[in-house]
Amino acid sequence: DAEGGRGLILVAVLARTWGVVERDVGKTVWAEIPL
């Protein structure tokens, strides 16, 4: 019953691998998808 956070489950299911890295300003979320 929590609000939000479901979209990353979709990313986890569709991507071969994914992650996040902090940058000097902000962050980058990445995913690798088999084509």
PDB file of all heavy atoms in Angstrom:
ATOM      1  N   ASP A   1       0.808  -1.217   0.000  1.00  0.00           N
ATOM      2  CA  ASP A   1       0.000   0.000   0.000  1.00  0.00           C
ATOM      3  C   ASP A   1       0.848   1.278   0.000  1.00  0.00           C
ATOM      4  O   ASP A   1       0.313   2.373   0.139  1.00  0.00           O
ATOM      5  CB  ASP A   1      -0.964  -0.002   1.185  1.00  0.00           C
ATOM      6  CG  ASP A   1      -0.239  -0.049   2.524  1.00  0.00           C
ATOM      7  OD1 ASP A   1       0.973  -0.358   2.544  1.00  0.00           O
ATOM      8  OD2 ASP A   1      -0.891   0.201   3.554  1.00  0.00           O
ATOM      9  N   ALA A   2       2.158   1.170  -0.182  1.00  0.00           N
ATOM     10  CA  ALA A   2       3.030   2.342  -0.203  1.00  0.00           C
ATOM     11  C   ALA A   2       2.813   3.155  -1.476  1.00  0.00           C
ATOM     12  O   ALA A   2       2.424   2.625  -2.511  1.00  0.00           O
ATOM     13  CB  ALA A   2       4.486   1.908  -0.110  1.00  0.00           C
ATOM     14  N   GLU A   3       3.060   4.459  -1.378  1.00  0.00           N
ATOM     15  CA  GLU A   3       2.951   5.329  -2.548  1.00  0.00           C
ATOM     16  C   GLU A   3       4.304   5.432  -3.223  1.00  0.00           C
ATOM     17  O   GLU A   3       5.320   5.601  -2.573  1.00  0.00           O
ATOM     18  CB  GLU A   3       2.490   6.718  -2.123  1.00  0.00           C
ATOM     19  CG  GLU A   3       1.056   6.756  -1.668  1.00  0.00           C
ATOM     20  CD  GLU A   3       0.598   8.164  -1.386  1.00  0.00           C
ATOM     21  OE1 GLU A   3       1.091   9.094  -2.033  1.00  0.00           O
ATOM     22  OE2 GLU A   3      -0.253   8.324  -0.505  1.00  0.00           O
ATOM     23  N   GLY A   4       4.326   5.348  -4.540  1.00  0.00           N
ATOM     24  CA  GLY A   4       5.556   5.530  -5.306  1.00  0.00           C
ATOM     25  C   GLY A   4       6.516   4.362  -5.169  1.00  0.00           C
ATOM     26  O   GLY A   4       6.313   3.434  -4.390  1.00  0.00           O
ATOM     27  N   GLY A   5       7.559   4.388  -5.984  1.00  0.00           N
ATOM     28  CA  GLY A   5       8.608   3.379  -5.926  1.00  0.00           C
ATOM     29  C   GLY A   5       8.373   2.150  -6.777  1.00  0.00           C
ATOM     30  O   GLY A   5       9.226   1.287  -6.880  1.00  0.00           O
ATOM     31  N   ARG A   6       7.215   2.063  -7.422  1.00  0.00           N
ATOM     32  CA  ARG A   6       6.914   0.880  -8.228  1.00  0.00           C
ATOM     33  C   ARG A   6       7.614   0.884  -9.580  1.00  0.00           C
ATOM     34  O   ARG A   6       7.845  -0.156 -10.167  1.00  0.00           O
ATOM     35  CB  ARG A   6       5.406   0.743  -8.417  1.00  0.00           C
ATOM     36  CG  ARG A   6       4.705   0.353  -7.151  1.00  0.00           C
ATOM     37  CD  ARG A   6       3.195   0.278  -7.356  1.00  0.00           C
ATOM     38  NE  ARG A   6       2.537  -0.118  -6.139  1.00  0.00           N
ATOM     39  CZ  ARG A   6       2.310   0.675  -5.111  1.00  0.00           C
ATOM     40  NH1 ARG A   6       2.682   1.922  -5.147  1.00  0.00           N
ATOM     41  NH2 ARG A   6       1.705   0.228  -4.030  1.00  0.00           N
ATOM     42  N   GLY A   7       7.903   2.051 -10.112  1.00  0.00           N
ATOM     43  CA  GLY A   7       8.523   2.149 -11.428  1.00  0.00           C
ATOM     44  C   GLY A   7       9.877   1.483 -11.501  1.00  0.00           C
ATOM     45  O   GLY A   7      10.232   0.900 -12.531  1.00  0.00           O
ATOM     46  N   LEU A   8      10.637   1.554 -10.429  1.00  0.00           N
ATOM     47  CA  LEU A   8      11.957   0.922 -10.447  1.00  0.00           C
ATOM     48  C   LEU A   8      11.856  -0.596 -10.459  1.00  0.00           C
ATOM     49  O   LEU A   8      12.765  -1.280 -10.913  1.00  0.00           O
ATOM     50  CB  LEU A   8      12.808   1.413  -9.282  1.00  0.00           C
ATOM     51  CG  LEU A   8      13.230   2.882  -9.411  1.00  0.00           C
ATOM     52  CD1 LEU A   8      13.983   3.335  -8.163  1.00  0.00           C
ATOM     53  CD2 LEU A   8      14.061   3.108 -10.654  1.00  0.00           C
ATOM     54  N   ILE A   9      10.735  -1.135  -9.991  1.00  0.00           N
ATOM     55  CA  ILE A   9      10.518  -2.581 -10.109  1.00  0.00           C
ATOM     56  C   ILE A   9      10.391  -2.936 -11.588  1.00  0.00           C
ATOM     57  O   ILE A   9      10.956  -3.930 -12.051  1.00  0.00           O
ATOM     58  CB  ILE A   9       9.269  -3.026  -9.317  1.00  0.00           C
ATOM     59  CG1 ILE A   9       9.530  -2.836  -7.819  1.00  0.00           C
ATOM     60  CG2 ILE A   9       8.905  -4.464  -9.644  1.00  0.00           C
ATOM     61  CD1 ILE A   9       8.319  -3.066  -6.950  1.00  0.00           C
ATOM     62  N   LEU A  10       9.691  -2.108 -12.346  1.00  0.00           N
ATOM     63  CA  LEU A  10       9.569  -2.307 -13.794  1.00  0.00           C
ATOM     64  C   LEU A  10      10.950  -2.284 -14.455  1.00  0.00           C
ATOM     65  O   LEU A  10      11.269  -3.147 -15.272  1.00  0.00           O
ATOM     66  CB  LEU A  10       8.665  -1.229 -14.400  1.00  0.00           C
ATOM     67  CG  LEU A  10       8.502  -1.256 -15.906  1.00  0.00           C
ATOM     68  CD1 LEU A  10       7.694  -2.476 -16.330  1.00  0.00           C
ATOM     69  CD2 LEU A  10       7.823   0.006 -16.390  1.00  0.00           C
ATOM     70  N   VAL A  11      11.771  -1.323 -14.080  1.00  0.00           N
ATOM     71  CA  VAL A  11      13.123  -1.243 -14.627  1.00  0.00           C
ATOM     72  C   VAL A  11      13.903  -2.512 -14.281  1.00  0.00           C
ATOM     73  O   VAL A  11      14.569  -3.097 -15.134  1.00  0.00           O
ATOM     74  CB  VAL A  11      13.861   0.018 -14.111  1.00  0.00           C
ATOM     75  CG1 VAL A  11      15.327   0.011 -14.523  1.00  0.00           C
ATOM     76  CG2 VAL A  11      13.177   1.282 -14.630  1.00  0.00           C
ATOM     77  N   ALA A  12      13.809  -2.963 -13.050  1.00  0.00           N
ATOM     78  CA  ALA A  12      14.524  -4.165 -12.625  1.00  0.00           C
ATOM     79  C   ALA A  12      14.080  -5.400 -13.403  1.00  0.00           C
ATOM     80  O   ALA A  12      14.892  -6.271 -13.718  1.00  0.00           O
ATOM     81  CB  ALA A  12      14.343  -4.387 -11.124  1.00  0.00           C
ATOM     82  N   VAL A  13      12.796  -5.476 -13.733  1.00  0.00           N
ATOM     83  CA  VAL A  13      12.274  -6.619 -14.470  1.00  0.00           C
ATOM     84  C   VAL A  13      12.711  -6.573 -15.937  1.00  0.00           C
ATOM     85  O   VAL A  13      13.083  -7.597 -16.518  1.00  0.00           O
ATOM     86  CB  VAL A  13      10.727  -6.679 -14.361  1.00  0.00           C
ATOM     87  CG1 VAL A  13      10.136  -7.659 -15.350  1.00  0.00           C
ATOM     88  CG2 VAL A  13      10.320  -7.034 -12.943  1.00  0.00           C
ATOM     89  N   LEU A  14      12.697  -5.389 -16.551  1.00  0.00           N
ATOM     90  CA  LEU A  14      12.978  -5.265 -17.973  1.00  0.00           C
ATOM     91  C   LEU A  14      14.464  -5.206 -18.315  1.00  0.00           C
ATOM     92  O   LEU A  14      14.860  -5.586 -19.414  1.00  0.00           O
ATOM     93  CB  LEU A  14      12.289  -4.014 -18.539  1.00  0.00           C
ATOM     94  CG  LEU A  14      10.760  -4.029 -18.508  1.00  0.00           C
ATOM     95  CD1 LEU A  14      10.217  -2.689 -18.976  1.00  0.00           C
ATOM     96  CD2 LEU A  14      10.212  -5.171 -19.341  1.00  0.00           C
ATOM     97  N   ALA A  15      15.278  -4.735 -17.399  1.00  0.00           N
ATOM     98  CA  ALA A  15      16.703  -4.558 -17.675  1.00  0.00           C
ATOM     99  C   ALA A  15      17.500  -5.793 -17.261  1.00  0.00           C
ATOM    100  O   ALA A  15      17.132  -6.493 -16.316  1.00  0.00           O
ATOM    101  CB  ALA A  15      17.234  -3.337 -16.934  1.00  0.00           C
ATOM    102  N   ARG A  16      18.583  -6.029 -17.977  1.00  0.00           N
ATOM    103  CA  ARG A  16      19.505  -7.112 -17.605  1.00  0.00           C
ATOM    104  C   ARG A  16      20.200  -6.744 -16.294  1.00  0.00           C
ATOM    105  O   ARG A  16      20.391  -7.585 -15.415  1.00  0.00           O
ATOM    106  CB  ARG A  16      20.541  -7.305 -18.711  1.00  0.00           C
ATOM    107  CG  ARG A  16      21.573  -8.382 -18.400  1.00  0.00           C
ATOM    108  CD  ARG A  16      22.591  -8.533 -19.516  1.00  0.00           C
ATOM    109  NE  ARG A  16      21.923  -8.958 -20.738  1.00  0.00           N
ATOM    110  CZ  ARG A  16      22.236  -8.501 -21.955  1.00  0.00           C
ATOM    111  NH1 ARG A  16      23.190  -7.620 -22.110  1.00  0.00           N
ATOM    112  NH2 ARG A  16      21.594  -8.948 -23.021  1.00  0.00           N
ATOM    113  N   THR A  17      20.574  -5.490 -16.179  1.00  0.00           N
ATOM    114  CA  THR A  17      21.204  -4.969 -14.973  1.00  0.00           C
ATOM    115  C   THR A  17      20.941  -3.473 -14.928  1.00  0.00           C
ATOM    116  O   THR A  17      20.673  -2.859 -15.950  1.00  0.00           O
ATOM    117  CB  THR A  17      22.718  -5.286 -14.934  1.00  0.00           C
ATOM    118  OG1 THR A  17      23.272  -4.868 -13.695  1.00  0.00           O
ATOM    119  CG2 THR A  17      23.461  -4.623 -16.085  1.00  0.00           C
ATOM    120  N   TRP A  18      20.991  -2.892 -13.738  1.00  0.00           N
ATOM    121  CA  TRP A  18      20.792  -1.461 -13.602  1.00  0.00           C
ATOM    122  C   TRP A  18      21.437  -0.988 -12.316  1.00  0.00           C
ATOM    123  O   TRP A  18      21.820  -1.788 -11.471  1.00  0.00           O
ATOM    124  CB  TRP A  18      19.310  -1.101 -13.654  1.00  0.00           C
ATOM    125  CG  TRP A  18      18.512  -1.521 -12.445  1.00  0.00           C
ATOM    126  CD1 TRP A  18      18.048  -2.775 -12.173  1.00  0.00           C
ATOM    127  CD2 TRP A  18      18.120  -0.698 -11.358  1.00  0.00           C
ATOM    128  NE1 TRP A  18      17.382  -2.774 -10.978  1.00  0.00           N
ATOM    129  CE2 TRP A  18      17.399  -1.506 -10.462  1.00  0.00           C
ATOM    130  CE3 TRP A  18      18.288   0.643 -11.055  1.00  0.00           C
ATOM    131  CZ2 TRP A  18      16.858  -1.015  -9.278  1.00  0.00           C
ATOM    132  CZ3 TRP A  18      17.738   1.139  -9.882  1.00  0.00           C
ATOM    133  CH2 TRP A  18      17.029   0.312  -9.011  1.00  0.00           C
ATOM    134  N   GLY A  19      21.577   0.320 -12.183  1.00  0.00           N
ATOM    135  CA  GLY A  19      22.179   0.855 -10.978  1.00  0.00           C
ATOM    136  C   GLY A  19      22.137   2.367 -10.968  1.00  0.00           C
ATOM    137  O   GLY A  19      21.546   3.004 -11.841  1.00  0.00           O
ATOM    138  N   VAL A  20      22.778   2.930  -9.986  1.00  0.00           N
ATOM    139  CA  VAL A  20      22.832   4.378  -9.830  1.00  0.00           C
ATOM    140  C   VAL A  20      24.237   4.758  -9.390  1.00  0.00           C
ATOM    141  O   VAL A  20      24.893   4.002  -8.668  1.00  0.00           O
ATOM    142  CB  VAL A  20      21.774   4.876  -8.813  1.00  0.00           C
ATOM    143  CG1 VAL A  20      22.016   4.290  -7.434  1.00  0.00           C
ATOM    144  CG2 VAL A  20      21.734   6.384  -8.760  1.00  0.00           C
ATOM    145  N   VAL A  21      24.673   5.901  -9.850  1.00  0.00           N
ATOM    146  CA  VAL A  21      25.971   6.423  -9.429  1.00  0.00           C
ATOM    147  C   VAL A  21      25.814   7.910  -9.124  1.00  0.00           C
ATOM    148  O   VAL A  21      25.096   8.627  -9.831  1.00  0.00           O
ATOM    149  CB  VAL A  21      27.068   6.170 -10.495  1.00  0.00           C
ATOM    150  CG1 VAL A  21      26.783   6.922 -11.769  1.00  0.00           C
ATOM    151  CG2 VAL A  21      28.438   6.509  -9.976  1.00  0.00           C
ATOM    152  N   GLU A  22      26.412   8.320  -8.037  1.00  0.00           N
ATOM    153  CA  GLU A  22      26.401   9.735  -7.680  1.00  0.00           C
ATOM    154  C   GLU A  22      27.389  10.467  -8.583  1.00  0.00           C
ATOM    155  O   GLU A  22      28.403   9.917  -8.993  1.00  0.00           O
ATOM    156  CB  GLU A  22      26.797   9.914  -6.215  1.00  0.00           C
ATOM    157  CG  GLU A  22      25.871   9.209  -5.244  1.00  0.00           C
ATOM    158  CD  GLU A  22      24.447   9.722  -5.281  1.00  0.00           C
ATOM    159  OE1 GLU A  22      24.251  10.950  -5.387  1.00  0.00           O
ATOM    160  OE2 GLU A  22      23.529   8.892  -5.208  1.00  0.00           O
ATOM    161  N   ARG A  23      27.081  11.714  -8.894  1.00  0.00           N
ATOM    162  CA  ARG A  23      27.963  12.570  -9.685  1.00  0.00           C
ATOM    163  C   ARG A  23      28.309  13.788  -8.850  1.00  0.00           C
ATOM    164  O   ARG A  23      27.784  13.956  -7.759  1.00  0.00           O
ATOM    165  CB  ARG A  23      27.253  13.005 -10.977  1.00  0.00           C
ATOM    166  CG  ARG A  23      26.766  11.840 -11.805  1.00  0.00           C
ATOM    167  CD  ARG A  23      25.997  12.239 -13.050  1.00  0.00           C
ATOM    168  NE  ARG A  23      25.159  13.393 -12.865  1.00  0.00           N
ATOM    169  CZ  ARG A  23      24.978  14.356 -13.768  1.00  0.00           C
ATOM    170  NH1 ARG A  23      25.583  14.303 -14.916  1.00  0.00           N
ATOM    171  NH2 ARG A  23      24.181  15.377 -13.535  1.00  0.00           N
ATOM    172  N   ASP A  24      29.182  14.643  -9.379  1.00  0.00           N
ATOM    173  CA  ASP A  24      29.497  15.875  -8.646  1.00  0.00           C
ATOM    174  C   ASP A  24      28.221  16.659  -8.350  1.00  0.00           C
ATOM    175  O   ASP A  24      28.055  17.209  -7.266  1.00  0.00           O
ATOM    176  CB  ASP A  24      30.472  16.747  -9.451  1.00  0.00           C
ATOM    177  CG  ASP A  24      31.869  16.164  -9.478  1.00  0.00           C
ATOM    178  OD1 ASP A  24      32.214  15.367  -8.579  1.00  0.00           O
ATOM    179  OD2 ASP A  24      32.626  16.499 -10.404  1.00  0.00           O
ATOM    180  N   VAL A  25      27.335  16.727  -9.329  1.00  0.00           N
ATOM    181  CA  VAL A  25      26.026  17.351  -9.142  1.00  0.00           C
ATOM    182  C   VAL A  25      24.984  16.331  -9.570  1.00  0.00           C
ATOM    183  O   VAL A  25      24.897  15.981 -10.743  1.00  0.00           O
ATOM    184  CB  VAL A  25      25.878  18.632  -9.996  1.00  0.00           C
ATOM    185  CG1 VAL A  25      24.473  19.195  -9.865  1.00  0.00           C
ATOM    186  CG2 VAL A  25      26.920  19.667  -9.595  1.00  0.00           C
ATOM    187  N   GLY A  26      24.240  15.806  -8.626  1.00  0.00           N
ATOM    188  CA  GLY A  26      23.170  14.877  -8.953  1.00  0.00           C
ATOM    189  C   GLY A  26      23.600  13.429  -9.023  1.00  0.00           C
ATOM    190  O   GLY A  26      24.553  13.001  -8.378  1.00  0.00           O
ATOM    191  N   LYS A  27      22.855  12.696  -9.854  1.00  0.00           N
ATOM    192  CA  LYS A  27      23.088  11.257  -9.979  1.00  0.00           C
ATOM    193  C   LYS A  27      22.733  10.805 -11.384  1.00  0.00           C
ATOM    194  O   LYS A  27      22.031  11.494 -12.112  1.00  0.00           O
ATOM    195  CB  LYS A  27      22.258  10.487  -8.953  1.00  0.00           C
ATOM    196  CG  LYS A  27      20.757  10.618  -9.171  1.00  0.00           C
ATOM    197  CD  LYS A  27      19.978   9.963  -8.048  1.00  0.00           C
ATOM    198  CE  LYS A  27      18.520  10.331  -8.058  1.00  0.00           C
ATOM    199  NZ  LYS A  27      18.226  11.752  -7.951  1.00  0.00           N
ATOM    200  N   THR A  28      23.219   9.631 -11.750  1.00  0.00           N
ATOM    201  CA  THR A  28      22.858   8.990 -13.011  1.00  0.00           C
ATOM    202  C   THR A  28      22.303   7.614 -12.689  1.00  0.00           C
ATOM    203  O   THR A  28      22.944   6.831 -11.990  1.00  0.00           O
ATOM    204  CB  THR A  28      24.086   8.849 -13.941  1.00  0.00           C
ATOM    205  OG1 THR A  28      24.561  10.153 -14.272  1.00  0.00           O
ATOM    206  CG2 THR A  28      23.729   8.089 -15.214  1.00  0.00           C
ATOM    207  N   VAL A  29      21.109   7.348 -13.190  1.00  0.00           N
ATOM    208  CA  VAL A  29      20.521   6.015 -13.094  1.00  0.00           C
ATOM    209  C   VAL A  29      20.679   5.375 -14.462  1.00  0.00           C
ATOM    210  O   VAL A  29      20.378   6.000 -15.483  1.00  0.00           O
ATOM    211  CB  VAL A  29      19.034   6.069 -12.692  1.00  0.00           C
ATOM    212  CG1 VAL A  29      18.466   4.661 -12.532  1.00  0.00           C
ATOM    213  CG2 VAL A  29      18.854   6.855 -11.397  1.00  0.00           C
ATOM    214  N   TRP A  30      21.198   4.163 -14.485  1.00  0.00           N
ATOM    215  CA  TRP A  30      21.479   3.500 -15.762  1.00  0.00           C
ATOM    216  C   TRP A  30      20.852   2.106 -15.771  1.00  0.00           C
ATOM    217  O   TRP A  30      20.593   1.524 -14.720  1.00  0.00           O
ATOM    218  CB  TRP A  30      22.984   3.413 -16.016  1.00  0.00           C
ATOM    219  CG  TRP A  30      23.736   2.659 -14.949  1.00  0.00           C
ATOM    220  CD1 TRP A  30      24.272   3.185 -13.803  1.00  0.00           C
ATOM    221  CD2 TRP A  30      23.991   1.256 -14.912  1.00  0.00           C
ATOM    222  NE1 TRP A  30      24.848   2.173 -13.065  1.00  0.00           N
ATOM    223  CE2 TRP A  30      24.694   0.986 -13.721  1.00  0.00           C
ATOM    224  CE3 TRP A  30      23.699   0.206 -15.771  1.00  0.00           C
ATOM    225  CZ2 TRP A  30      25.124  -0.300 -13.378  1.00  0.00           C
ATOM    226  CZ3 TRP A  30      24.114  -1.067 -15.419  1.00  0.00           C
ATOM    227  CH2 TRP A  30      24.821  -1.305 -14.230  1.00  0.00           C
ATOM    228  N   ALA A  31      20.604   1.644 -16.979  1.00  0.00           N
ATOM    229  CA  ALA A  31      20.064   0.290 -17.179  1.00  0.00           C
ATOM    230  C   ALA A  31      20.589  -0.248 -18.481  1.00  0.00           C
ATOM    231  O   ALA A  31      20.790   0.492 -19.442  1.00  0.00           O
ATOM    232  CB  ALA A  31      18.534   0.328 -17.205  1.00  0.00           C
ATOM    233  N   GLU A  32      20.848  -1.548 -18.512  1.00  0.00           N
ATOM    234  CA  GLU A  32      21.274  -2.218 -19.738  1.00  0.00           C
ATOM    235  C   GLU A  32      20.181  -3.203 -20.137  1.00  0.00           C
ATOM    236  O   GLU A  32      19.748  -4.034 -19.337  1.00  0.00           O
ATOM    237  CB  GLU A  32      22.617  -2.894 -19.563  1.00  0.00           C
ATOM    238  CG  GLU A  32      23.732  -1.882 -19.398  1.00  0.00           C
ATOM    239  CD  GLU A  32      25.115  -2.467 -19.347  1.00  0.00           C
ATOM    240  OE1 GLU A  32      25.266  -3.709 -19.413  1.00  0.00           O
ATOM    241  OE2 GLU A  32      26.087  -1.691 -19.242  1.00  0.00           O
ATOM    242  N   ILE A  33      19.750  -3.069 -21.402  1.00  0.00           N
ATOM    243  CA  ILE A  33      18.610  -3.815 -21.912  1.00  0.00           C
ATOM    244  C   ILE A  33      19.056  -4.677 -23.079  1.00  0.00           C
ATOM    245  O   ILE A  33      19.671  -4.167 -24.029  1.00  0.00           O
ATOM    246  CB  ILE A  33      17.524  -2.834 -22.404  1.00  0.00           C
ATOM    247  CG1 ILE A  33      17.135  -1.881 -21.297  1.00  0.00           C
ATOM    248  CG2 ILE A  33      16.322  -3.585 -22.972  1.00  0.00           C
ATOM    249  CD1 ILE A  33      16.408  -0.650 -21.789  1.00  0.00           C
ATOM    250  N   PRO A  34      18.764  -5.970 -23.054  1.00  0.00           N
ATOM    251  CA  PRO A  34      19.058  -6.808 -24.229  1.00  0.00           C
ATOM    252  C   PRO A  34      18.102  -6.454 -25.366  1.00  0.00           C
ATOM    253  O   PRO A  34      16.895  -6.329 -25.148  1.00  0.00           O
ATOM    254  CB  PRO A  34      18.840  -8.236 -23.731  1.00  0.00           C
ATOM    255  CG  PRO A  34      17.962  -8.106 -22.528  1.00  0.00           C
ATOM    256  CD  PRO A  34      18.169  -6.730 -21.960  1.00  0.00           C
ATOM    257  N   LEU A  35      18.635  -6.270 -26.561  1.00  0.00           N
ATOM    258  CA  LEU A  35      17.812  -5.893 -27.702  1.00  0.00           C
ATOM    259  C   LEU A  35      17.492  -7.065 -28.619  1.00  0.00           C
ATOM    260  O   LEU A  35      16.639  -6.953 -29.484  1.00  0.00           O
ATOM    261  CB  LEU A  35      18.509  -4.796 -28.524  1.00  0.00           C
ATOM    262  CG  LEU A  35      18.706  -3.464 -27.813  1.00  0.00           C
ATOM    263  CD1 LEU A  35      19.536  -2.531 -28.670  1.00  0.00           C
ATOM    264  CD2 LEU A  35      17.379  -2.834 -27.451  1.00  0.00           C
TER     265      LEU A  35
END
